[in-house]
Amino acid sequence: ADKWEFEVPAKSYEIWMLLCWRAQDNRLHDFAVPQGVFSTDFSIAKRNLGKNAKIPIRVIRTEGNRFFLGVAGKTGKDITDFRGDYDPLR
């Protein structure tokens, strides 16, 4: 499985634009993830942070070519359908 890790400041977001570069085949996996997908886990993680702390975010690609978003160590949510889909930006 491939894995990408990010740190996100504990602020409010309507959407996350996640860019996951895979050097092995020069492939960019891009995701426009709407707030409804990450808001619950992100809110829980924000409560336990100190000032100016960042929340760890992880995107994992499984061998079945599915992509999962994990927030602060929580089990991931499937974001495969958001890959290359910019409709959430409208």
N, C-alpha and C. Protein backbone atom coordinates (compact mmCIF):
# COMPACT_ATOMS: atom_id res chain seq x y z
N ALA A 1 0.84 -1.20 0.00
CA ALA A 1 0.00 0.00 0.00
C ALA A 1 0.88 1.25 0.00
N ASP A 2 0.40 2.31 -0.64
CA ASP A 2 1.07 3.60 -0.62
C ASP A 2 0.50 4.42 0.52
N LYS A 3 1.32 5.35 1.05
CA LYS A 3 0.88 6.16 2.17
C LYS A 3 1.43 7.57 2.02
N TRP A 4 0.58 8.57 2.29
CA TRP A 4 0.97 9.97 2.29
C TRP A 4 0.53 10.57 3.61
N GLU A 5 1.39 11.38 4.21
CA GLU A 5 1.08 11.98 5.51
C GLU A 5 1.16 13.50 5.42
N PHE A 6 0.22 14.14 6.11
CA PHE A 6 0.12 15.60 6.14
C PHE A 6 -0.06 16.04 7.59
N GLU A 7 0.17 17.33 7.84
CA GLU A 7 -0.17 17.95 9.12
C GLU A 7 -1.03 19.17 8.79
N VAL A 8 -2.21 19.22 9.39
CA VAL A 8 -3.16 20.28 9.08
C VAL A 8 -3.38 21.15 10.32
N PRO A 9 -3.22 22.47 10.19
CA PRO A 9 -3.50 23.35 11.33
C PRO A 9 -4.95 23.20 11.79
N ALA A 10 -5.15 23.32 13.08
CA ALA A 10 -6.48 23.13 13.68
C ALA A 10 -7.34 24.37 13.47
N LYS A 11 -7.79 24.56 12.25
CA LYS A 11 -8.68 25.67 11.88
C LYS A 11 -9.90 25.09 11.22
N SER A 12 -10.81 25.93 10.79
CA SER A 12 -12.01 25.46 10.10
C SER A 12 -11.76 25.42 8.59
N TYR A 13 -12.26 24.34 7.96
CA TYR A 13 -12.09 24.16 6.51
C TYR A 13 -13.40 23.67 5.91
N GLU A 14 -13.71 24.17 4.72
CA GLU A 14 -14.87 23.68 3.99
C GLU A 14 -14.48 22.52 3.09
N ILE A 15 -13.23 22.49 2.69
CA ILE A 15 -12.75 21.44 1.78
C ILE A 15 -11.25 21.28 1.98
N TRP A 16 -10.78 20.07 1.80
CA TRP A 16 -9.34 19.81 1.75
C TRP A 16 -8.99 19.40 0.34
N MET A 17 -7.95 20.01 -0.20
CA MET A 17 -7.42 19.60 -1.49
C MET A 17 -6.14 18.85 -1.19
N LEU A 18 -6.15 17.53 -1.33
CA LEU A 18 -5.01 16.70 -1.00
C LEU A 18 -4.33 16.23 -2.28
N LEU A 19 -3.03 16.50 -2.37
CA LEU A 19 -2.25 16.11 -3.53
C LEU A 19 -1.25 15.05 -3.09
N CYS A 20 -1.38 13.86 -3.65
CA CYS A 20 -0.56 12.71 -3.26
C CYS A 20 0.28 12.29 -4.46
N TRP A 21 1.56 12.57 -4.39
CA TRP A 21 2.48 12.28 -5.48
C TRP A 21 3.09 10.90 -5.29
N ARG A 22 3.10 10.12 -6.35
CA ARG A 22 3.70 8.79 -6.33
C ARG A 22 4.88 8.80 -7.30
N ALA A 23 6.09 8.89 -6.75
CA ALA A 23 7.30 9.03 -7.56
C ALA A 23 7.59 7.80 -8.41
N GLN A 24 7.18 6.62 -7.95
CA GLN A 24 7.49 5.39 -8.69
C GLN A 24 6.99 5.42 -10.12
N ASP A 25 5.84 6.02 -10.35
CA ASP A 25 5.28 6.08 -11.70
C ASP A 25 4.91 7.50 -12.13
N ASN A 26 5.45 8.50 -11.42
CA ASN A 26 5.18 9.91 -11.72
C ASN A 26 3.69 10.19 -11.82
N ARG A 27 2.95 9.73 -10.84
CA ARG A 27 1.50 9.86 -10.84
C ARG A 27 1.04 10.73 -9.67
N LEU A 28 0.15 11.67 -9.98
CA LEU A 28 -0.44 12.52 -8.95
C LEU A 28 -1.87 12.07 -8.71
N HIS A 29 -2.17 11.76 -7.46
CA HIS A 29 -3.54 11.44 -7.06
C HIS A 29 -4.06 12.67 -6.32
N ASP A 30 -5.08 13.30 -6.87
CA ASP A 30 -5.61 14.54 -6.30
C ASP A 30 -7.04 14.32 -5.81
N PHE A 31 -7.33 14.88 -4.65
CA PHE A 31 -8.62 14.68 -4.00
C PHE A 31 -9.17 16.01 -3.51
N ALA A 32 -10.40 16.34 -3.86
CA ALA A 32 -11.11 17.48 -3.31
C ALA A 32 -12.11 16.89 -2.31
N VAL A 33 -11.74 16.91 -1.03
CA VAL A 33 -12.52 16.23 0.00
C VAL A 33 -13.39 17.24 0.74
N PRO A 34 -14.72 17.10 0.66
CA PRO A 34 -15.61 18.05 1.34
C PRO A 34 -15.62 17.84 2.85
N GLN A 35 -15.97 18.89 3.55
CA GLN A 35 -15.96 18.92 5.01
C GLN A 35 -16.74 17.77 5.65
N GLY A 36 -17.84 17.37 5.07
CA GLY A 36 -18.66 16.31 5.64
C GLY A 36 -17.93 14.99 5.81
N VAL A 37 -16.87 14.79 5.05
CA VAL A 37 -16.11 13.54 5.12
C VAL A 37 -15.18 13.53 6.33
N PHE A 38 -14.56 14.67 6.64
CA PHE A 38 -13.55 14.71 7.69
C PHE A 38 -13.97 15.45 8.95
N SER A 39 -15.10 16.14 8.94
CA SER A 39 -15.44 17.06 10.02
C SER A 39 -15.56 16.41 11.40
N THR A 40 -16.17 15.26 11.50
CA THR A 40 -16.36 14.63 12.82
C THR A 40 -15.02 14.27 13.45
N ASP A 41 -14.20 13.52 12.73
CA ASP A 41 -12.89 13.12 13.27
C ASP A 41 -12.00 14.33 13.51
N PHE A 42 -12.07 15.32 12.63
CA PHE A 42 -11.24 16.52 12.76
C PHE A 42 -11.65 17.32 14.00
N SER A 43 -12.95 17.44 14.25
CA SER A 43 -13.43 18.17 15.43
C SER A 43 -12.98 17.50 16.72
N ILE A 44 -13.05 16.18 16.75
CA ILE A 44 -12.61 15.44 17.94
C ILE A 44 -11.11 15.66 18.17
N ALA A 45 -10.34 15.61 17.11
CA ALA A 45 -8.89 15.79 17.23
C ALA A 45 -8.55 17.22 17.67
N LYS A 46 -9.30 18.21 17.20
CA LYS A 46 -9.02 19.60 17.57
C LYS A 46 -9.21 19.84 19.06
N ARG A 47 -10.16 19.16 19.68
CA ARG A 47 -10.43 19.35 21.12
C ARG A 47 -9.25 18.97 21.99
N ASN A 48 -8.45 18.05 21.53
CA ASN A 48 -7.35 17.53 22.34
C ASN A 48 -6.00 18.17 22.03
N LEU A 49 -6.01 19.27 21.28
CA LEU A 49 -4.75 19.90 20.87
C LEU A 49 -4.42 21.15 21.66
N GLY A 50 -3.13 21.43 21.75
CA GLY A 50 -2.68 22.68 22.32
C GLY A 50 -2.67 23.77 21.26
N LYS A 51 -2.33 24.97 21.69
CA LYS A 51 -2.29 26.11 20.78
C LYS A 51 -1.26 25.88 19.67
N ASN A 52 -1.61 26.22 18.46
CA ASN A 52 -0.76 26.12 17.27
C ASN A 52 -0.37 24.69 16.90
N ALA A 53 -1.00 23.70 17.48
CA ALA A 53 -0.70 22.31 17.14
C ALA A 53 -1.34 21.96 15.79
N LYS A 54 -0.82 20.92 15.18
CA LYS A 54 -1.35 20.45 13.90
C LYS A 54 -1.87 19.03 14.05
N ILE A 55 -2.84 18.70 13.21
CA ILE A 55 -3.48 17.40 13.26
C ILE A 55 -2.90 16.52 12.16
N PRO A 56 -2.46 15.32 12.51
CA PRO A 56 -1.91 14.43 11.48
C PRO A 56 -3.01 13.82 10.61
N ILE A 57 -2.78 13.88 9.32
CA ILE A 57 -3.71 13.34 8.33
C ILE A 57 -2.94 12.30 7.51
N ARG A 58 -3.61 11.23 7.14
CA ARG A 58 -2.95 10.19 6.35
C ARG A 58 -3.89 9.73 5.24
N VAL A 59 -3.32 9.56 4.05
CA VAL A 59 -4.04 8.94 2.94
C VAL A 59 -3.31 7.64 2.64
N ILE A 60 -4.06 6.55 2.59
CA ILE A 60 -3.50 5.24 2.29
C ILE A 60 -4.20 4.66 1.07
N ARG A 61 -3.40 4.15 0.16
CA ARG A 61 -3.94 3.45 -1.02
C ARG A 61 -3.75 1.96 -0.79
N THR A 62 -4.83 1.23 -0.89
CA THR A 62 -4.78 -0.21 -0.68
C THR A 62 -4.41 -0.92 -1.97
N GLU A 63 -4.11 -2.20 -1.86
CA GLU A 63 -3.78 -2.97 -3.05
C GLU A 63 -4.97 -3.10 -3.99
N GLY A 64 -6.17 -2.87 -3.48
CA GLY A 64 -7.37 -2.87 -4.32
C GLY A 64 -7.60 -1.54 -4.99
N ASN A 65 -6.58 -0.64 -4.93
CA ASN A 65 -6.64 0.68 -5.55
C ASN A 65 -7.74 1.56 -4.97
N ARG A 66 -8.00 1.41 -3.68
CA ARG A 66 -8.93 2.28 -2.95
C ARG A 66 -8.09 3.21 -2.07
N PHE A 67 -8.59 4.42 -1.85
CA PHE A 67 -7.89 5.42 -1.06
C PHE A 67 -8.70 5.73 0.20
N PHE A 68 -8.01 5.76 1.34
CA PHE A 68 -8.66 5.99 2.62
C PHE A 68 -8.00 7.15 3.34
N LEU A 69 -8.83 8.03 3.90
CA LEU A 69 -8.37 9.19 4.65
C LEU A 69 -8.49 8.90 6.13
N GLY A 70 -7.39 9.05 6.85
CA GLY A 70 -7.38 8.88 8.30
C GLY A 70 -7.03 10.21 8.95
N VAL A 71 -7.76 10.56 10.01
CA VAL A 71 -7.52 11.81 10.74
C VAL A 71 -7.11 11.46 12.16
N ALA A 72 -5.93 11.92 12.55
CA ALA A 72 -5.43 11.75 13.92
C ALA A 72 -5.49 10.29 14.38
N GLY A 73 -5.08 9.39 13.51
CA GLY A 73 -5.01 7.99 13.88
C GLY A 73 -6.31 7.21 13.78
N LYS A 74 -7.40 7.88 13.44
CA LYS A 74 -8.68 7.18 13.28
C LYS A 74 -8.66 6.33 12.02
N THR A 75 -9.42 5.27 12.03
CA THR A 75 -9.53 4.41 10.85
C THR A 75 -10.06 5.24 9.69
N GLY A 76 -9.50 5.01 8.53
CA GLY A 76 -9.80 5.85 7.38
C GLY A 76 -11.18 5.72 6.79
N LYS A 77 -11.58 6.79 6.12
CA LYS A 77 -12.83 6.83 5.35
C LYS A 77 -12.46 6.77 3.88
N ASP A 78 -13.21 6.02 3.11
CA ASP A 78 -12.94 5.85 1.69
C ASP A 78 -13.16 7.17 0.95
N ILE A 79 -12.10 7.67 0.32
CA ILE A 79 -12.19 8.92 -0.46
C ILE A 79 -11.92 8.68 -1.94
N THR A 80 -11.93 7.43 -2.36
CA THR A 80 -11.62 7.08 -3.74
C THR A 80 -12.48 7.85 -4.73
N ASP A 81 -13.76 8.01 -4.44
CA ASP A 81 -14.67 8.68 -5.38
C ASP A 81 -14.35 10.17 -5.56
N PHE A 82 -13.55 10.75 -4.68
CA PHE A 82 -13.19 12.16 -4.79
C PHE A 82 -11.93 12.37 -5.62
N ARG A 83 -11.27 11.29 -6.03
CA ARG A 83 -10.04 11.41 -6.82
C ARG A 83 -10.36 12.02 -8.17
N GLY A 84 -9.70 13.14 -8.46
CA GLY A 84 -9.89 13.83 -9.74
C GLY A 84 -11.26 14.46 -9.92
N ASP A 85 -12.06 14.51 -8.86
CA ASP A 85 -13.43 15.05 -8.93
C ASP A 85 -13.42 16.43 -8.27
N TYR A 86 -13.62 17.47 -9.06
CA TYR A 86 -13.57 18.84 -8.54
C TYR A 86 -14.95 19.42 -8.24
N ASP A 87 -15.99 18.62 -8.34
CA ASP A 87 -17.34 19.10 -8.03
C ASP A 87 -17.45 19.71 -6.62
N PRO A 88 -16.78 19.15 -5.61
CA PRO A 88 -16.89 19.77 -4.28
C PRO A 88 -16.38 21.21 -4.23
N LEU A 89 -15.60 21.63 -5.21
CA LEU A 89 -15.09 23.00 -5.23
C LEU A 89 -16.13 24.02 -5.71
N ARG A 90 -17.22 23.55 -6.26
CA ARG A 90 -18.25 24.46 -6.79
C ARG A 90 -19.10 25.03 -5.70
